[in-house]
Amino acid sequence: MQETALTGEIRHFKKGQILKVKKIVKYKYTTRYQLLNDRYITANKKFVIFTKFK
């Protein structure tokens, strides 16, 4: 099981992809989403790398 601290594997999702969330978890000053497969993701701007789409 992956930790809430996001220290494990990095995975990318395409823009507009729908992810099913099991629950919302508060971790320090950020919010993490726990997916149905027990992995955690975040949408925090400091952790997400933005790319320019054409």
PDB file of N, CA and C in Angstrom:
ATOM      1  N   MET A   1       0.837  -1.192   0.000  1.00  0.00           N
ATOM      2  CA  MET A   1       0.000   0.000   0.000  1.00  0.00           C
ATOM      3  C   MET A   1       0.877   1.248   0.000  1.00  0.00           C
ATOM      4  N   GLN A   2       0.513   2.196  -0.818  1.00  0.00           N
ATOM      5  CA  GLN A   2       1.277   3.434  -0.947  1.00  0.00           C
ATOM      6  C   GLN A   2       0.990   4.354   0.235  1.00  0.00           C
ATOM      7  N   GLU A   3       1.976   5.095   0.652  1.00  0.00           N
ATOM      8  CA  GLU A   3       1.813   6.013   1.776  1.00  0.00           C
ATOM      9  C   GLU A   3       1.159   7.314   1.327  1.00  0.00           C
ATOM     10  N   THR A   4       0.551   7.998   2.274  1.00  0.00           N
ATOM     11  CA  THR A   4      -0.073   9.285   2.009  1.00  0.00           C
ATOM     12  C   THR A   4       0.971  10.333   1.672  1.00  0.00           C
ATOM     13  N   ALA A   5       2.229  10.115   2.036  1.00  0.00           N
ATOM     14  CA  ALA A   5       3.298  11.083   1.809  1.00  0.00           C
ATOM     15  C   ALA A   5       3.740  11.156   0.351  1.00  0.00           C
ATOM     16  N   LEU A   6       3.184  10.326  -0.530  1.00  0.00           N
ATOM     17  CA  LEU A   6       3.523  10.299  -1.953  1.00  0.00           C
ATOM     18  C   LEU A   6       4.998  10.030  -2.196  1.00  0.00           C
ATOM     19  N   THR A   7       5.536   9.032  -1.541  1.00  0.00           N
ATOM     20  CA  THR A   7       6.947   8.706  -1.708  1.00  0.00           C
ATOM     21  C   THR A   7       7.159   7.570  -2.691  1.00  0.00           C
ATOM     22  N   GLY A   8       6.112   6.996  -3.207  1.00  0.00           N
ATOM     23  CA  GLY A   8       6.233   5.831  -4.075  1.00  0.00           C
ATOM     24  C   GLY A   8       6.281   6.172  -5.552  1.00  0.00           C
ATOM     25  N   GLU A   9       5.686   5.314  -6.333  1.00  0.00           N
ATOM     26  CA  GLU A   9       5.681   5.379  -7.786  1.00  0.00           C
ATOM     27  C   GLU A   9       5.002   6.645  -8.301  1.00  0.00           C
ATOM     28  N   ILE A  10       5.521   7.172  -9.414  1.00  0.00           N
ATOM     29  CA  ILE A  10       4.929   8.348 -10.060  1.00  0.00           C
ATOM     30  C   ILE A  10       4.204   7.882 -11.309  1.00  0.00           C
ATOM     31  N   ARG A  11       2.991   8.345 -11.482  1.00  0.00           N
ATOM     32  CA  ARG A  11       2.202   7.964 -12.638  1.00  0.00           C
ATOM     33  C   ARG A  11       1.488   9.199 -13.164  1.00  0.00           C
ATOM     34  N   HIS A  12       1.329   9.268 -14.468  1.00  0.00           N
ATOM     35  CA  HIS A  12       0.683  10.413 -15.090  1.00  0.00           C
ATOM     36  C   HIS A  12      -0.681  10.010 -15.617  1.00  0.00           C
ATOM     37  N   PHE A  13      -1.602  10.950 -15.585  1.00  0.00           N
ATOM     38  CA  PHE A  13      -2.941  10.740 -16.116  1.00  0.00           C
ATOM     39  C   PHE A  13      -3.210  11.789 -17.179  1.00  0.00           C
ATOM     40  N   LYS A  14      -3.931  11.407 -18.218  1.00  0.00           N
ATOM     41  CA  LYS A  14      -4.253  12.343 -19.285  1.00  0.00           C
ATOM     42  C   LYS A  14      -5.269  13.370 -18.819  1.00  0.00           C
ATOM     43  N   LYS A  15      -5.214  14.538 -19.409  1.00  0.00           N
ATOM     44  CA  LYS A  15      -6.138  15.602 -19.076  1.00  0.00           C
ATOM     45  C   LYS A  15      -7.559  15.154 -19.406  1.00  0.00           C
ATOM     46  N   GLY A  16      -8.458  15.340 -18.460  1.00  0.00           N
ATOM     47  CA  GLY A  16      -9.845  14.972 -18.666  1.00  0.00           C
ATOM     48  C   GLY A  16     -10.189  13.558 -18.249  1.00  0.00           C
ATOM     49  N   GLN A  17      -9.190  12.773 -17.831  1.00  0.00           N
ATOM     50  CA  GLN A  17      -9.446  11.401 -17.415  1.00  0.00           C
ATOM     51  C   GLN A  17     -10.189  11.402 -16.082  1.00  0.00           C
ATOM     52  N   ILE A  18     -11.179  10.535 -15.943  1.00  0.00           N
ATOM     53  CA  ILE A  18     -11.994  10.464 -14.735  1.00  0.00           C
ATOM     54  C   ILE A  18     -11.416   9.402 -13.815  1.00  0.00           C
ATOM     55  N   LEU A  19     -11.148   9.793 -12.561  1.00  0.00           N
ATOM     56  CA  LEU A  19     -10.626   8.885 -11.553  1.00  0.00           C
ATOM     57  C   LEU A  19     -11.664   8.741 -10.444  1.00  0.00           C
ATOM     58  N   LYS A  20     -11.895   7.520 -10.006  1.00  0.00           N
ATOM     59  CA  LYS A  20     -12.868   7.281  -8.941  1.00  0.00           C
ATOM     60  C   LYS A  20     -12.165   7.355  -7.591  1.00  0.00           C
ATOM     61  N   VAL A  21     -12.681   8.210  -6.717  1.00  0.00           N
ATOM     62  CA  VAL A  21     -12.064   8.479  -5.426  1.00  0.00           C
ATOM     63  C   VAL A  21     -12.814   7.738  -4.325  1.00  0.00           C
ATOM     64  N   LYS A  22     -12.045   7.056  -3.478  1.00  0.00           N
ATOM     65  CA  LYS A  22     -12.620   6.334  -2.344  1.00  0.00           C
ATOM     66  C   LYS A  22     -12.870   7.292  -1.179  1.00  0.00           C
ATOM     67  N   LYS A  23     -11.845   8.105  -0.851  1.00  0.00           N
ATOM     68  CA  LYS A  23     -12.001   9.080   0.227  1.00  0.00           C
ATOM     69  C   LYS A  23     -10.970  10.193   0.089  1.00  0.00           C
ATOM     70  N   ILE A  24     -11.215  11.291   0.783  1.00  0.00           N
ATOM     71  CA  ILE A  24     -10.319  12.446   0.805  1.00  0.00           C
ATOM     72  C   ILE A  24      -9.565  12.416   2.124  1.00  0.00           C
ATOM     73  N   VAL A  25      -8.229  12.572   2.044  1.00  0.00           N
ATOM     74  CA  VAL A  25      -7.368  12.473   3.219  1.00  0.00           C
ATOM     75  C   VAL A  25      -6.590  13.771   3.369  1.00  0.00           C
ATOM     76  N   LYS A  26      -6.573  14.327   4.570  1.00  0.00           N
ATOM     77  CA  LYS A  26      -5.757  15.502   4.860  1.00  0.00           C
ATOM     78  C   LYS A  26      -4.378  15.024   5.285  1.00  0.00           C
ATOM     79  N   TYR A  27      -3.324  15.580   4.659  1.00  0.00           N
ATOM     80  CA  TYR A  27      -1.945  15.245   5.007  1.00  0.00           C
ATOM     81  C   TYR A  27      -1.167  16.540   5.152  1.00  0.00           C
ATOM     82  N   LYS A  28      -0.774  16.856   6.372  1.00  0.00           N
ATOM     83  CA  LYS A  28      -0.113  18.128   6.694  1.00  0.00           C
ATOM     84  C   LYS A  28      -0.938  19.282   6.151  1.00  0.00           C
ATOM     85  N   TYR A  29      -0.421  20.033   5.162  1.00  0.00           N
ATOM     86  CA  TYR A  29      -1.143  21.196   4.658  1.00  0.00           C
ATOM     87  C   TYR A  29      -1.820  20.942   3.316  1.00  0.00           C
ATOM     88  N   THR A  30      -1.790  19.717   2.837  1.00  0.00           N
ATOM     89  CA  THR A  30      -2.362  19.409   1.531  1.00  0.00           C
ATOM     90  C   THR A  30      -3.469  18.369   1.651  1.00  0.00           C
ATOM     91  N   THR A  31      -4.219  18.231   0.590  1.00  0.00           N
ATOM     92  CA  THR A  31      -5.282  17.243   0.524  1.00  0.00           C
ATOM     93  C   THR A  31      -4.882  16.179  -0.484  1.00  0.00           C
ATOM     94  N   ARG A  32      -5.063  14.939  -0.135  1.00  0.00           N
ATOM     95  CA  ARG A  32      -4.768  13.820  -1.021  1.00  0.00           C
ATOM     96  C   ARG A  32      -6.064  13.069  -1.270  1.00  0.00           C
ATOM     97  N   TYR A  33      -6.150  12.444  -2.430  1.00  0.00           N
ATOM     98  CA  TYR A  33      -7.310  11.645  -2.769  1.00  0.00           C
ATOM     99  C   TYR A  33      -6.889  10.182  -2.803  1.00  0.00           C
ATOM    100  N   GLN A  34      -7.630   9.324  -2.097  1.00  0.00           N
ATOM    101  CA  GLN A  34      -7.346   7.897  -2.135  1.00  0.00           C
ATOM    102  C   GLN A  34      -8.251   7.267  -3.184  1.00  0.00           C
ATOM    103  N   LEU A  35      -7.633   6.623  -4.172  1.00  0.00           N
ATOM    104  CA  LEU A  35      -8.383   5.999  -5.252  1.00  0.00           C
ATOM    105  C   LEU A  35      -8.918   4.642  -4.808  1.00  0.00           C
ATOM    106  N   LEU A  36      -9.750   4.045  -5.639  1.00  0.00           N
ATOM    107  CA  LEU A  36     -10.336   2.745  -5.316  1.00  0.00           C
ATOM    108  C   LEU A  36      -9.295   1.643  -5.180  1.00  0.00           C
ATOM    109  N   ASN A  37      -8.120   1.797  -5.832  1.00  0.00           N
ATOM    110  CA  ASN A  37      -7.055   0.794  -5.721  1.00  0.00           C
ATOM    111  C   ASN A  37      -6.085   1.113  -4.580  1.00  0.00           C
ATOM    112  N   ASP A  38      -6.491   1.964  -3.639  1.00  0.00           N
ATOM    113  CA  ASP A  38      -5.726   2.351  -2.440  1.00  0.00           C
ATOM    114  C   ASP A  38      -4.455   3.137  -2.727  1.00  0.00           C
ATOM    115  N   ARG A  39      -4.334   3.727  -3.902  1.00  0.00           N
ATOM    116  CA  ARG A  39      -3.213   4.617  -4.203  1.00  0.00           C
ATOM    117  C   ARG A  39      -3.654   6.057  -3.963  1.00  0.00           C
ATOM    118  N   TYR A  40      -2.685   6.918  -3.654  1.00  0.00           N
ATOM    119  CA  TYR A  40      -2.987   8.314  -3.352  1.00  0.00           C
ATOM    120  C   TYR A  40      -2.518   9.208  -4.489  1.00  0.00           C
ATOM    121  N   ILE A  41      -3.301  10.251  -4.761  1.00  0.00           N
ATOM    122  CA  ILE A  41      -2.913  11.254  -5.751  1.00  0.00           C
ATOM    123  C   ILE A  41      -3.161  12.634  -5.154  1.00  0.00           C
ATOM    124  N   THR A  42      -2.608  13.648  -5.801  1.00  0.00           N
ATOM    125  CA  THR A  42      -2.825  15.021  -5.376  1.00  0.00           C
ATOM    126  C   THR A  42      -2.993  15.900  -6.600  1.00  0.00           C
ATOM    127  N   ALA A  43      -3.647  17.020  -6.408  1.00  0.00           N
ATOM    128  CA  ALA A  43      -3.780  18.011  -7.461  1.00  0.00           C
ATOM    129  C   ALA A  43      -3.141  19.327  -7.022  1.00  0.00           C
ATOM    130  N   ASN A  44      -2.303  19.250  -5.995  1.00  0.00           N
ATOM    131  CA  ASN A  44      -1.628  20.429  -5.470  1.00  0.00           C
ATOM    132  C   ASN A  44      -0.670  20.989  -6.525  1.00  0.00           C
ATOM    133  N   LYS A  45      -0.718  22.294  -6.752  1.00  0.00           N
ATOM    134  CA  LYS A  45       0.094  22.934  -7.790  1.00  0.00           C
ATOM    135  C   LYS A  45       1.591  22.737  -7.581  1.00  0.00           C
ATOM    136  N   LYS A  46       2.043  22.598  -6.344  1.00  0.00           N
ATOM    137  CA  LYS A  46       3.468  22.423  -6.077  1.00  0.00           C
ATOM    138  C   LYS A  46       3.959  21.032  -6.464  1.00  0.00           C
ATOM    139  N   PHE A  47       3.058  20.077  -6.570  1.00  0.00           N
ATOM    140  CA  PHE A  47       3.430  18.708  -6.906  1.00  0.00           C
ATOM    141  C   PHE A  47       3.119  18.345  -8.347  1.00  0.00           C
ATOM    142  N   VAL A  48       2.208  19.071  -8.975  1.00  0.00           N
ATOM    143  CA  VAL A  48       1.778  18.753 -10.331  1.00  0.00           C
ATOM    144  C   VAL A  48       2.613  19.551 -11.324  1.00  0.00           C
ATOM    145  N   ILE A  49       3.112  18.883 -12.369  1.00  0.00           N
ATOM    146  CA  ILE A  49       3.881  19.557 -13.413  1.00  0.00           C
ATOM    147  C   ILE A  49       2.922  19.904 -14.546  1.00  0.00           C
ATOM    148  N   PHE A  50       2.832  21.183 -14.870  1.00  0.00           N
ATOM    149  CA  PHE A  50       1.942  21.618 -15.928  1.00  0.00           C
ATOM    150  C   PHE A  50       2.666  21.612 -17.268  1.00  0.00           C
ATOM    151  N   THR A  51       2.003  21.138 -18.290  1.00  0.00           N
ATOM    152  CA  THR A  51       2.563  21.150 -19.640  1.00  0.00           C
ATOM    153  C   THR A  51       1.608  21.879 -20.541  1.00  0.00           C
ATOM    154  N   LYS A  52       2.113  22.370 -21.646  1.00  0.00           N
ATOM    155  CA  LYS A  52       1.303  23.127 -22.580  1.00  0.00           C
ATOM    156  C   LYS A  52       0.724  22.175 -23.619  1.00  0.00           C
ATOM    157  N   PHE A  53      -0.579  22.183 -23.766  1.00  0.00           N
ATOM    158  CA  PHE A  53      -1.245  21.322 -24.749  1.00  0.00           C
ATOM    159  C   PHE A  53      -1.506  22.123 -26.018  1.00  0.00           C
ATOM    160  N   LYS A  54      -1.370  21.454 -27.159  1.00  0.00           N
ATOM    161  CA  LYS A  54      -1.590  22.123 -28.447  1.00  0.00           C
ATOM    162  C   LYS A  54      -2.986  21.854 -28.934  1.00  0.00           C
TER     163      LYS A  54
END
